[in-house]
N, C-alpha and C. Protein backbone atom coordinates (compact mmCIF):
# COMPACT_ATOMS: atom_id res chain seq x y z
N MET A 1 -50.63 -14.77 -86.11
CA MET A 1 -51.14 -16.10 -85.60
C MET A 1 -51.28 -15.88 -84.33
N SER A 2 -52.64 -17.11 -84.31
CA SER A 2 -53.09 -17.19 -82.65
C SER A 2 -52.51 -18.53 -82.46
N ALA A 3 -52.24 -19.06 -81.00
CA ALA A 3 -52.19 -20.12 -80.96
C ALA A 3 -53.57 -20.78 -80.45
N THR A 4 -53.48 -22.40 -80.33
CA THR A 4 -54.46 -23.20 -80.05
C THR A 4 -54.93 -22.97 -79.13
N PRO A 5 -56.25 -22.59 -78.81
CA PRO A 5 -56.54 -22.72 -77.33
C PRO A 5 -56.60 -23.70 -76.42
N PRO A 6 -56.36 -24.40 -75.51
CA PRO A 6 -56.78 -25.43 -74.56
C PRO A 6 -57.90 -25.95 -74.59
N GLN A 7 -57.79 -27.50 -74.78
CA GLN A 7 -58.77 -27.64 -74.83
C GLN A 7 -59.57 -27.81 -73.34
N ASP A 8 -60.92 -28.33 -72.76
CA ASP A 8 -61.85 -27.62 -71.61
C ASP A 8 -61.68 -29.13 -71.28
N SER A 9 -61.27 -28.82 -69.79
CA SER A 9 -60.55 -30.46 -69.31
C SER A 9 -61.93 -31.63 -68.64
N ALA A 10 -63.11 -30.78 -68.83
CA ALA A 10 -64.41 -31.49 -68.72
C ALA A 10 -64.64 -32.64 -70.51
N LEU A 11 -64.23 -32.04 -71.57
CA LEU A 11 -63.92 -32.73 -72.82
C LEU A 11 -63.24 -33.67 -72.65
N LEU A 12 -62.04 -33.11 -71.90
CA LEU A 12 -60.14 -34.02 -71.57
C LEU A 12 -61.03 -35.64 -71.27
N ALA A 13 -61.81 -35.01 -70.28
CA ALA A 13 -61.74 -36.33 -69.31
C ALA A 13 -63.06 -37.24 -70.08
N ALA A 14 -63.49 -36.71 -70.55
CA ALA A 14 -64.69 -37.54 -71.09
C ALA A 14 -64.23 -38.32 -72.32
N GLN A 15 -63.06 -37.72 -73.27
CA GLN A 15 -61.90 -38.65 -74.32
C GLN A 15 -61.90 -39.71 -73.41
N VAL A 16 -61.44 -39.53 -72.08
CA VAL A 16 -60.87 -40.52 -71.22
C VAL A 16 -61.79 -41.89 -71.45
N GLU A 17 -63.53 -41.16 -71.08
CA GLU A 17 -64.44 -42.24 -70.77
C GLU A 17 -64.37 -42.95 -71.83
N LEU A 18 -64.72 -42.64 -72.83
CA LEU A 18 -64.97 -42.83 -74.40
C LEU A 18 -63.36 -43.89 -74.47
N PHE A 19 -62.56 -43.52 -74.42
CA PHE A 19 -61.21 -44.92 -74.40
C PHE A 19 -61.30 -45.83 -73.97
N ILE A 20 -61.55 -46.11 -72.49
CA ILE A 20 -61.57 -46.86 -71.76
C ILE A 20 -62.95 -47.89 -72.34
N LEU A 21 -64.09 -47.06 -72.37
CA LEU A 21 -65.36 -47.72 -72.70
C LEU A 21 -65.40 -48.59 -73.86
N ARG A 22 -64.89 -48.10 -74.85
CA ARG A 22 -64.08 -48.50 -76.06
C ARG A 22 -63.36 -49.84 -75.80
N ALA A 23 -62.43 -49.52 -74.72
CA ALA A 23 -61.61 -50.86 -74.42
C ALA A 23 -62.59 -51.97 -73.74
N SER A 24 -63.54 -51.68 -73.37
CA SER A 24 -64.48 -52.43 -72.74
C SER A 24 -65.23 -53.70 -73.49
N ILE A 25 -65.27 -53.24 -74.91
CA ILE A 25 -65.71 -54.16 -76.01
C ILE A 25 -65.23 -55.20 -76.12
N PRO A 26 -65.61 -56.42 -76.40
CA PRO A 26 -64.57 -57.47 -76.93
C PRO A 26 -63.37 -57.16 -78.32
N PRO A 27 -62.55 -57.33 -78.20
CA PRO A 27 -61.84 -57.32 -79.21
C PRO A 27 -62.43 -57.53 -80.38
N SER A 28 -63.05 -58.65 -80.60
CA SER A 28 -63.69 -59.25 -81.60
C SER A 28 -64.61 -58.18 -82.76
N ALA A 29 -65.38 -57.24 -81.69
CA ALA A 29 -65.87 -56.37 -82.26
C ALA A 29 -65.38 -55.31 -82.92
N THR A 30 -65.97 -55.50 -83.74
CA THR A 30 -65.52 -54.29 -85.09
C THR A 30 -65.98 -52.44 -84.17
N LEU A 31 -65.29 -52.03 -84.75
CA LEU A 31 -65.86 -50.55 -84.43
C LEU A 31 -64.74 -49.46 -85.13
N GLU A 32 -65.03 -50.15 -86.34
CA GLU A 32 -64.26 -49.05 -87.53
C GLU A 32 -64.85 -47.84 -87.98
N GLY A 33 -65.96 -47.59 -87.43
CA GLY A 33 -66.64 -46.35 -87.82
C GLY A 33 -66.08 -45.18 -87.22
N GLY A 34 -66.05 -45.68 -85.87
CA GLY A 34 -65.64 -44.71 -85.11
C GLY A 34 -66.72 -43.51 -84.31
N LEU A 35 -67.94 -44.37 -84.94
CA LEU A 35 -68.80 -43.57 -84.19
C LEU A 35 -69.91 -43.85 -82.46
N VAL A 36 -70.11 -43.06 -82.10
CA VAL A 36 -71.20 -43.17 -80.22
C VAL A 36 -72.48 -43.48 -80.79
N ALA A 37 -72.89 -43.97 -80.23
CA ALA A 37 -74.50 -43.72 -79.84
C ALA A 37 -74.75 -43.47 -78.29
N ILE A 38 -75.13 -42.03 -77.75
CA ILE A 38 -74.87 -42.19 -76.58
C ILE A 38 -76.80 -42.18 -75.76
N GLY A 39 -76.86 -43.14 -74.97
CA GLY A 39 -78.34 -43.12 -74.79
C GLY A 39 -78.74 -44.64 -75.45
N PRO A 40 -79.96 -44.86 -74.79
CA PRO A 40 -80.50 -45.58 -75.78
C PRO A 40 -81.76 -45.46 -76.68
N GLU A 41 -81.94 -46.02 -78.08
CA GLU A 41 -81.84 -45.38 -79.21
C GLU A 41 -81.84 -44.27 -79.58
N SER A 42 -80.03 -43.75 -79.10
CA SER A 42 -79.98 -42.45 -79.98
C SER A 42 -79.43 -42.79 -81.40
N VAL A 43 -79.06 -41.43 -81.96
CA VAL A 43 -78.51 -41.32 -83.53
C VAL A 43 -76.84 -41.42 -83.43
N PRO A 44 -75.88 -42.57 -83.88
CA PRO A 44 -74.97 -42.42 -83.68
C PRO A 44 -74.45 -40.96 -83.88
N VAL A 45 -72.90 -40.64 -83.54
CA VAL A 45 -72.77 -39.18 -83.64
C VAL A 45 -70.78 -39.27 -83.61
N THR A 46 -70.40 -38.79 -83.94
CA THR A 46 -68.54 -38.55 -84.10
C THR A 46 -68.33 -38.94 -82.95
N ALA A 47 -67.20 -39.52 -82.43
CA ALA A 47 -66.36 -39.34 -80.50
C ALA A 47 -66.04 -38.24 -80.36
N ASP A 48 -66.08 -37.09 -81.36
CA ASP A 48 -65.37 -35.85 -80.62
C ASP A 48 -67.06 -35.17 -80.55
N ARG A 49 -68.05 -35.43 -81.25
CA ARG A 49 -69.34 -35.07 -80.61
C ARG A 49 -70.27 -36.01 -79.31
N ALA A 50 -69.69 -37.31 -79.07
CA ALA A 50 -70.06 -37.71 -77.88
C ALA A 50 -69.35 -37.52 -76.67
N ALA A 51 -67.99 -37.01 -77.11
CA ALA A 51 -66.98 -36.48 -75.73
C ALA A 51 -67.61 -35.35 -75.13
N GLU A 52 -68.35 -34.29 -76.02
CA GLU A 52 -69.24 -33.28 -76.10
C GLU A 52 -70.77 -33.14 -74.68
N ILE A 53 -71.09 -34.42 -75.47
CA ILE A 53 -72.60 -34.69 -74.74
C ILE A 53 -72.01 -35.31 -73.43
N LEU A 54 -71.06 -36.08 -73.44
CA LEU A 54 -70.57 -36.56 -72.00
C LEU A 54 -69.78 -35.44 -71.11
N ALA A 55 -69.53 -34.29 -71.88
CA ALA A 55 -68.79 -33.93 -70.90
C ALA A 55 -69.46 -32.71 -70.11
N GLY A 56 -71.34 -32.57 -71.18
CA GLY A 56 -72.23 -31.28 -70.81
C GLY A 56 -73.51 -32.12 -69.67
N THR A 57 -72.60 -34.03 -69.27
CA THR A 57 -73.74 -34.45 -68.41
C THR A 57 -73.29 -34.18 -66.94
N LEU A 58 -74.67 -34.40 -66.38
CA LEU A 58 -74.47 -34.01 -64.61
C LEU A 58 -73.26 -35.16 -64.14
N LYS A 59 -72.55 -35.09 -62.98
CA LYS A 59 -71.72 -36.16 -62.63
C LYS A 59 -71.84 -36.22 -61.35
N PRO A 60 -71.63 -37.45 -60.44
CA PRO A 60 -70.49 -38.35 -61.16
C PRO A 60 -71.44 -39.08 -61.85
N ILE A 61 -71.21 -39.67 -63.03
CA ILE A 61 -71.65 -41.13 -63.77
C ILE A 61 -70.77 -42.52 -63.86
N ARG A 62 -72.07 -43.37 -63.92
CA ARG A 62 -71.35 -44.42 -64.33
C ARG A 62 -71.88 -45.19 -65.83
N CYS A 63 -70.84 -45.98 -66.90
CA CYS A 63 -71.77 -45.30 -67.82
C CYS A 63 -70.78 -46.93 -68.98
N ILE A 64 -71.87 -47.90 -69.28
CA ILE A 64 -71.61 -48.71 -69.74
C ILE A 64 -71.43 -49.03 -71.17
N ALA A 65 -70.64 -49.78 -72.09
CA ALA A 65 -70.70 -49.37 -72.97
C ALA A 65 -71.04 -51.20 -73.88
N ARG A 66 -71.65 -51.04 -75.45
CA ARG A 66 -71.55 -52.35 -76.29
C ARG A 66 -71.10 -52.14 -77.17
N ALA A 67 -71.43 -52.77 -78.68
CA ALA A 67 -70.72 -53.11 -79.61
C ALA A 67 -72.14 -53.78 -80.31
N GLU A 68 -72.50 -52.16 -81.28
CA GLU A 68 -73.63 -52.70 -82.13
C GLU A 68 -73.52 -52.27 -83.78
N LYS A 69 -73.14 -53.58 -84.23
CA LYS A 69 -72.69 -53.44 -85.64
C LYS A 69 -71.13 -52.44 -85.60
N ASP A 70 -70.86 -51.55 -86.14
CA ASP A 70 -69.45 -50.61 -86.07
C ASP A 70 -69.81 -49.38 -85.10
N VAL A 71 -70.61 -49.34 -84.14
CA VAL A 71 -71.46 -48.35 -83.27
C VAL A 71 -70.60 -48.76 -81.95
N LEU A 72 -70.63 -47.59 -81.23
CA LEU A 72 -69.89 -48.18 -79.79
C LEU A 72 -71.50 -47.13 -78.59
N SER A 73 -71.77 -48.11 -78.32
CA SER A 73 -73.16 -47.49 -77.97
C SER A 73 -73.24 -47.54 -76.48
N VAL A 74 -73.24 -46.47 -76.05
CA VAL A 74 -73.25 -45.67 -74.76
C VAL A 74 -74.26 -45.33 -73.57
N ASN A 75 -74.41 -46.62 -72.61
CA ASN A 75 -75.69 -46.15 -71.87
C ASN A 75 -74.91 -45.31 -70.18
N CYS A 76 -75.19 -44.47 -69.62
CA CYS A 76 -74.96 -44.00 -68.47
C CYS A 76 -75.92 -43.67 -67.68
N VAL A 77 -75.77 -43.93 -66.86
CA VAL A 77 -76.56 -43.42 -65.46
C VAL A 77 -75.86 -42.53 -64.11
N GLN A 78 -76.63 -41.77 -63.91
CA GLN A 78 -76.27 -40.03 -62.86
C GLN A 78 -76.10 -40.87 -61.94
N LEU A 79 -75.11 -40.77 -61.16
CA LEU A 79 -74.86 -42.03 -59.32
C LEU A 79 -75.78 -40.47 -58.25
N SER A 80 -76.50 -40.91 -57.96
CA SER A 80 -77.41 -40.06 -56.89
C SER A 80 -77.62 -40.97 -55.55
N GLY A 81 -77.95 -40.18 -54.60
CA GLY A 81 -78.70 -40.96 -53.55
C GLY A 81 -77.27 -41.27 -52.90
N ALA A 82 -78.13 -41.58 -51.45
CA ALA A 82 -76.71 -41.61 -50.37
C ALA A 82 -75.92 -42.97 -50.33
N GLN A 83 -76.88 -43.57 -51.23
CA GLN A 83 -75.72 -45.09 -51.33
C GLN A 83 -74.84 -44.83 -52.27
N ASP A 84 -75.28 -44.49 -53.70
CA ASP A 84 -74.31 -43.94 -54.88
C ASP A 84 -73.67 -42.86 -54.25
N SER A 85 -73.66 -42.18 -53.20
CA SER A 85 -72.72 -41.19 -53.06
C SER A 85 -71.41 -41.05 -51.83
N VAL A 86 -71.81 -42.49 -51.02
CA VAL A 86 -70.82 -43.49 -50.48
C VAL A 86 -70.05 -44.06 -51.38
N PHE A 87 -70.45 -45.06 -52.31
CA PHE A 87 -69.61 -45.70 -52.78
C PHE A 87 -69.55 -45.12 -53.95
N HIS A 88 -69.01 -44.26 -54.29
CA HIS A 88 -68.88 -43.45 -55.26
C HIS A 88 -67.18 -42.69 -54.31
N ALA A 89 -67.42 -42.33 -53.12
CA ALA A 89 -66.43 -41.28 -52.55
C ALA A 89 -65.60 -42.88 -52.06
N ALA A 90 -66.05 -43.90 -52.41
CA ALA A 90 -64.92 -44.86 -51.40
C ALA A 90 -64.00 -45.26 -52.85
N TYR A 91 -64.78 -45.62 -54.16
CA TYR A 91 -64.50 -45.56 -55.20
C TYR A 91 -63.14 -44.16 -55.60
N VAL A 92 -63.63 -43.33 -55.41
CA VAL A 92 -62.49 -41.84 -55.52
C VAL A 92 -61.18 -42.44 -54.57
N LYS A 93 -61.32 -42.47 -53.37
CA LYS A 93 -60.22 -42.71 -52.27
C LYS A 93 -59.36 -44.31 -52.92
N VAL A 94 -60.20 -45.30 -53.60
CA VAL A 94 -59.34 -46.28 -53.94
C VAL A 94 -58.35 -45.74 -55.36
N MET A 95 -58.84 -45.04 -56.26
CA MET A 95 -58.48 -44.43 -57.21
C MET A 95 -57.17 -43.38 -56.79
N GLU A 96 -58.08 -42.86 -56.17
CA GLU A 96 -56.18 -41.60 -55.62
C GLU A 96 -55.24 -42.77 -54.48
N GLU A 97 -55.54 -43.52 -54.46
CA GLU A 97 -54.18 -44.40 -53.79
C GLU A 97 -53.82 -45.05 -54.83
N GLN A 98 -54.16 -45.56 -55.87
CA GLN A 98 -53.46 -46.16 -56.60
C GLN A 98 -52.93 -44.91 -57.62
N PHE A 99 -53.58 -44.04 -57.95
CA PHE A 99 -52.59 -43.47 -58.47
C PHE A 99 -51.42 -42.60 -58.09
N THR A 100 -51.74 -42.70 -56.90
CA THR A 100 -50.80 -41.38 -56.07
C THR A 100 -49.28 -43.18 -56.01
N SER A 101 -49.75 -43.76 -55.65
CA SER A 101 -48.54 -45.13 -56.11
C SER A 101 -48.15 -45.04 -56.72
N ALA A 102 -48.55 -45.32 -58.48
CA ALA A 102 -48.60 -45.09 -59.67
C ALA A 102 -47.64 -44.27 -59.91
N ARG A 103 -47.66 -42.80 -59.28
CA ARG A 103 -47.04 -41.31 -59.68
C ARG A 103 -45.64 -41.34 -59.18
N GLY A 104 -45.54 -42.59 -58.27
CA GLY A 104 -44.27 -42.18 -57.46
C GLY A 104 -44.15 -41.14 -56.72
N SER A 105 -42.79 -40.84 -56.45
CA SER A 105 -42.33 -39.64 -55.36
C SER A 105 -42.44 -38.68 -55.75
N THR A 106 -42.99 -38.06 -56.87
CA THR A 106 -43.31 -36.94 -57.73
C THR A 106 -44.65 -36.05 -56.21
N ALA A 107 -44.16 -34.45 -56.32
CA ALA A 107 -44.86 -34.02 -55.33
C ALA A 107 -45.94 -33.38 -54.79
N SER A 108 -46.43 -33.34 -56.19
CA SER A 108 -47.81 -33.22 -57.13
C SER A 108 -48.35 -33.26 -58.27
N THR A 109 -49.67 -33.35 -58.66
CA THR A 109 -50.19 -33.36 -59.59
C THR A 109 -49.87 -32.44 -60.41
N GLY A 110 -49.56 -32.28 -61.60
CA GLY A 110 -49.03 -31.26 -62.64
C GLY A 110 -49.66 -31.03 -64.40
N LEU A 111 -49.38 -29.75 -64.88
CA LEU A 111 -49.99 -29.91 -65.89
C LEU A 111 -49.10 -30.71 -67.09
N ASN A 112 -47.88 -30.51 -66.70
CA ASN A 112 -46.80 -31.43 -68.07
C ASN A 112 -46.66 -32.76 -67.30
N ASP A 113 -47.08 -33.32 -66.19
CA ASP A 113 -47.16 -34.56 -65.99
C ASP A 113 -48.35 -35.49 -67.10
N ALA A 114 -48.31 -36.66 -67.36
CA ALA A 114 -49.14 -37.35 -68.20
C ALA A 114 -49.26 -38.65 -67.77
N VAL A 115 -50.14 -39.38 -67.86
CA VAL A 115 -50.38 -40.76 -67.65
C VAL A 115 -50.97 -41.20 -68.86
N LEU A 116 -50.23 -42.47 -68.88
CA LEU A 116 -50.50 -43.04 -70.66
C LEU A 116 -51.65 -44.49 -70.54
N LEU A 117 -52.65 -43.92 -70.98
CA LEU A 117 -54.10 -45.41 -70.93
C LEU A 117 -53.62 -46.26 -72.44
N ARG A 118 -53.53 -47.88 -71.75
CA ARG A 118 -53.14 -48.63 -72.68
C ARG A 118 -54.38 -49.42 -73.27
N SER A 119 -54.88 -49.56 -74.31
CA SER A 119 -55.96 -50.68 -73.86
C SER A 119 -55.26 -52.19 -73.93
N ALA A 120 -55.42 -52.81 -73.08
CA ALA A 120 -54.73 -54.45 -73.23
C ALA A 120 -55.33 -55.51 -74.22
N GLY A 121 -56.53 -55.22 -74.80
CA GLY A 121 -57.17 -55.90 -75.96
C GLY A 121 -57.41 -55.38 -76.99
N ARG A 122 -56.79 -53.88 -77.46
CA ARG A 122 -56.52 -53.49 -78.36
C ARG A 122 -55.49 -53.24 -79.03
N ARG A 123 -54.68 -53.76 -79.43
CA ARG A 123 -53.59 -53.95 -79.69
C ARG A 123 -52.85 -52.46 -80.25
N GLY A 124 -52.14 -51.49 -79.72
CA GLY A 124 -51.93 -50.31 -80.34
C GLY A 124 -52.79 -49.22 -79.87
N GLU A 125 -53.81 -48.83 -79.48
CA GLU A 125 -54.77 -48.42 -78.89
C GLU A 125 -53.99 -47.84 -77.80
N GLU A 126 -53.70 -46.36 -77.47
CA GLU A 126 -52.86 -46.05 -76.53
C GLU A 126 -53.94 -44.19 -76.27
N LEU A 127 -53.91 -43.91 -75.30
CA LEU A 127 -54.17 -42.55 -75.03
C LEU A 127 -53.39 -41.53 -73.92
N SER A 128 -52.62 -40.38 -74.03
CA SER A 128 -51.85 -39.96 -73.02
C SER A 128 -52.70 -38.66 -72.68
N VAL A 129 -52.69 -38.35 -71.50
CA VAL A 129 -53.63 -37.40 -70.38
C VAL A 129 -52.73 -37.07 -69.78
N SER A 130 -52.97 -35.99 -69.27
CA SER A 130 -52.03 -35.23 -68.05
C SER A 130 -52.78 -35.73 -67.08
N GLU A 131 -52.19 -35.62 -65.62
CA GLU A 131 -52.54 -36.08 -64.61
C GLU A 131 -53.62 -35.34 -64.24
N LEU A 132 -53.80 -34.50 -64.55
CA LEU A 132 -54.90 -33.20 -64.17
C LEU A 132 -56.18 -33.49 -64.68
N THR A 133 -56.27 -33.90 -66.01
CA THR A 133 -57.28 -34.76 -66.89
C THR A 133 -57.41 -36.17 -66.36
N PHE A 134 -56.53 -37.28 -66.09
CA PHE A 134 -57.05 -38.40 -65.27
C PHE A 134 -57.65 -38.17 -63.79
N ALA A 135 -57.13 -37.19 -63.30
CA ALA A 135 -58.01 -36.97 -62.08
C ALA A 135 -59.21 -37.03 -61.96
N ARG A 136 -59.47 -35.86 -62.94
CA ARG A 136 -60.89 -35.41 -63.31
C ARG A 136 -61.64 -36.52 -63.54
N TRP A 137 -61.00 -36.98 -64.70
CA TRP A 137 -61.82 -38.54 -65.35
C TRP A 137 -62.67 -39.44 -63.63
N TYR A 138 -61.05 -39.92 -62.80
CA TYR A 138 -62.00 -40.98 -62.01
C TYR A 138 -62.54 -40.14 -60.80
N ARG A 139 -62.64 -38.81 -60.73
CA ARG A 139 -63.48 -38.05 -59.80
C ARG A 139 -64.85 -38.20 -60.43
N GLU A 140 -64.89 -38.00 -61.82
CA GLU A 140 -66.40 -37.50 -62.36
C GLU A 140 -67.21 -38.98 -62.40
N TYR A 141 -66.29 -39.95 -63.38
CA TYR A 141 -66.26 -41.43 -63.63
C TYR A 141 -66.18 -42.44 -63.20
N GLN A 142 -67.09 -43.45 -63.34
CA GLN A 142 -66.77 -44.77 -62.48
C GLN A 142 -66.59 -46.02 -63.69
N LEU A 143 -65.73 -46.46 -62.91
CA LEU A 143 -65.09 -47.67 -64.13
C LEU A 143 -66.32 -48.58 -64.17
N PRO A 144 -66.52 -48.79 -65.56
CA PRO A 144 -67.86 -49.71 -65.64
C PRO A 144 -67.01 -51.15 -64.72
N PRO A 145 -68.43 -52.42 -64.53
CA PRO A 145 -67.93 -53.41 -63.57
C PRO A 145 -67.37 -54.51 -64.56
N SER A 146 -67.29 -54.17 -66.05
CA SER A 146 -66.58 -54.99 -66.64
C SER A 146 -65.29 -54.79 -67.08
N ILE A 147 -64.37 -53.77 -66.39
CA ILE A 147 -63.08 -53.12 -66.79
C ILE A 147 -62.30 -53.11 -65.09
N THR A 148 -61.21 -53.50 -65.39
CA THR A 148 -60.05 -53.22 -64.11
C THR A 148 -58.74 -52.47 -65.16
N PHE A 149 -58.17 -52.25 -64.17
CA PHE A 149 -56.62 -51.66 -64.69
C PHE A 149 -55.40 -52.45 -64.54
N GLY A 150 -54.39 -52.61 -65.22
CA GLY A 150 -53.02 -53.38 -65.00
C GLY A 150 -52.25 -51.94 -64.88
N ILE A 151 -51.77 -51.67 -63.41
CA ILE A 151 -50.97 -50.37 -63.16
C ILE A 151 -49.38 -50.89 -63.50
N TRP A 152 -48.94 -49.71 -64.23
CA TRP A 152 -47.14 -49.91 -64.19
C TRP A 152 -46.54 -48.32 -63.53
N PRO A 153 -46.22 -48.09 -62.66
CA PRO A 153 -45.84 -47.29 -61.83
C PRO A 153 -44.65 -46.24 -62.54
N ALA A 154 -44.38 -45.14 -62.18
CA ALA A 154 -44.14 -44.30 -63.15
C ALA A 154 -42.08 -44.45 -62.20
N ALA A 155 -41.49 -44.55 -63.16
CA ALA A 155 -40.14 -44.74 -63.27
C ALA A 155 -38.80 -44.45 -63.33
N ARG A 156 -37.93 -44.18 -63.10
CA ARG A 156 -36.98 -42.74 -63.64
C ARG A 156 -35.74 -43.83 -64.41
N THR A 157 -35.57 -43.27 -65.63
CA THR A 157 -35.04 -43.76 -66.83
C THR A 157 -33.69 -43.80 -66.20
N GLN A 158 -32.22 -44.35 -67.19
CA GLN A 158 -31.06 -44.18 -66.72
C GLN A 158 -30.86 -42.60 -67.29
N ARG A 159 -31.26 -42.73 -67.47
CA ARG A 159 -31.02 -40.88 -68.22
C ARG A 159 -31.63 -40.01 -67.27
N ALA A 160 -31.92 -40.41 -66.25
CA ALA A 160 -33.13 -39.57 -65.25
C ALA A 160 -34.21 -38.76 -65.25
N GLU A 161 -34.91 -39.55 -66.69
CA GLU A 161 -36.08 -38.75 -66.79
C GLU A 161 -37.30 -39.17 -66.32
N ARG A 162 -38.51 -38.97 -65.99
CA ARG A 162 -39.35 -39.45 -65.57
C ARG A 162 -40.54 -40.25 -66.65
N ALA A 163 -40.38 -41.93 -66.48
CA ALA A 163 -41.61 -42.16 -66.82
C ALA A 163 -42.96 -41.90 -66.37
N HIS A 164 -43.85 -41.87 -67.80
CA HIS A 164 -44.84 -41.60 -66.73
C HIS A 164 -45.68 -42.60 -66.78
N PRO A 165 -46.66 -43.17 -65.37
CA PRO A 165 -47.09 -44.27 -65.29
C PRO A 165 -48.40 -44.58 -66.12
N ILE A 166 -48.36 -45.81 -66.48
CA ILE A 166 -49.78 -46.55 -67.43
C ILE A 166 -50.76 -47.44 -66.47
N PHE A 167 -51.95 -47.12 -67.14
CA PHE A 167 -52.45 -47.84 -66.73
C PHE A 167 -53.19 -48.21 -67.94
N GLU A 168 -53.06 -49.82 -68.02
CA GLU A 168 -53.53 -50.47 -69.49
C GLU A 168 -54.76 -50.97 -68.80
N VAL A 169 -55.86 -50.95 -69.92
CA VAL A 169 -57.52 -51.21 -69.28
C VAL A 169 -57.59 -52.57 -69.94
N HIS A 170 -58.12 -53.37 -68.83
CA HIS A 170 -58.34 -54.92 -69.10
C HIS A 170 -59.98 -55.02 -69.24
N ARG A 171 -60.16 -56.04 -70.09
CA ARG A 171 -61.56 -56.13 -69.88
C ARG A 171 -61.62 -57.30 -69.15
N VAL A 172 -62.70 -57.95 -68.23
CA VAL A 172 -62.86 -58.25 -67.48
C VAL A 172 -64.28 -59.18 -67.84
N GLU A 173 -64.31 -60.71 -68.69
CA GLU A 173 -65.82 -61.38 -68.54
C GLU A 173 -65.51 -62.48 -67.52
N PRO A 174 -66.58 -62.59 -67.58
CA PRO A 174 -67.81 -62.87 -68.31
C PRO A 174 -68.24 -61.42 -66.53
N VAL A 175 -69.23 -60.68 -67.26
CA VAL A 175 -70.47 -59.99 -66.39
C VAL A 175 -71.68 -60.57 -66.41
N ASN A 176 -72.09 -61.07 -65.12
CA ASN A 176 -73.31 -61.75 -64.54
C ASN A 176 -73.81 -60.44 -63.75
N PRO A 177 -74.98 -59.57 -64.16
CA PRO A 177 -75.58 -58.37 -63.76
C PRO A 177 -76.03 -59.10 -62.47
N GLU A 178 -76.56 -60.36 -62.53
CA GLU A 178 -77.08 -60.95 -61.22
C GLU A 178 -76.26 -61.23 -59.72
N SER A 179 -74.70 -61.49 -60.15
CA SER A 179 -73.87 -61.85 -59.08
C SER A 179 -73.44 -60.10 -58.76
N LEU A 180 -73.34 -59.01 -59.35
CA LEU A 180 -73.00 -58.13 -59.04
C LEU A 180 -73.79 -57.71 -57.65
N PRO A 181 -73.42 -56.63 -56.72
CA PRO A 181 -74.41 -55.82 -55.54
C PRO A 181 -74.89 -55.06 -56.25
N PRO A 182 -75.74 -54.89 -55.87
CA PRO A 182 -77.25 -54.09 -56.02
C PRO A 182 -76.71 -52.67 -56.75
N GLU A 183 -76.07 -51.94 -56.45
CA GLU A 183 -75.41 -50.75 -56.10
C GLU A 183 -74.81 -50.59 -57.80
N PHE A 184 -74.10 -51.65 -58.16
CA PHE A 184 -73.69 -51.53 -59.22
C PHE A 184 -74.81 -52.29 -60.50
N ARG A 185 -75.74 -52.86 -60.26
CA ARG A 185 -76.77 -53.08 -61.08
C ARG A 185 -77.44 -52.23 -62.03
N SER A 186 -77.31 -50.73 -61.21
CA SER A 186 -78.69 -49.86 -61.93
C SER A 186 -77.60 -49.48 -63.34
N GLY A 187 -78.57 -49.47 -64.25
CA GLY A 187 -77.84 -48.94 -65.92
C GLY A 187 -77.25 -49.99 -66.85
N LEU A 188 -77.26 -51.22 -65.84
CA LEU A 188 -76.71 -52.30 -66.28
C LEU A 188 -77.81 -53.02 -67.44
């Protein structure tokens, strides 16, 4: 008998991105088929194949999504250039501060520690990932402007077990591209 090989961390980070992009779609939109189209005019593929495509994309990137019939349609823009680099570095710093605060007094990010992602708009949709995967995600992918997090810090329970931090994904409406700074508009 052979053990199941560990999943590639780039693939896991891509799965986090797809979860967040799905949460960015209005709850009224149906996404029943589980199909994802990456890029304009692309053929819909399974969510697993879409994660493989995203994992193989040059990073850092910012993706946005919309629902087209039952398909999650995703468009991504690679962040490049001096202005994008400065903005992405600031974004990563903010995410690291939020993550560190949410983790509580744990000394270092570990394989066995988890982060729970929860969709605020889609009841029952949750994803638990390692802290290492979550950290890789926010270093490689930038939140779309239509998303924000509600954060519940890790806490100790009465039995002295460590509860995981919860990052609840909230869709922010409406997003008017003209009201955004120019560095956010690329890819919208």
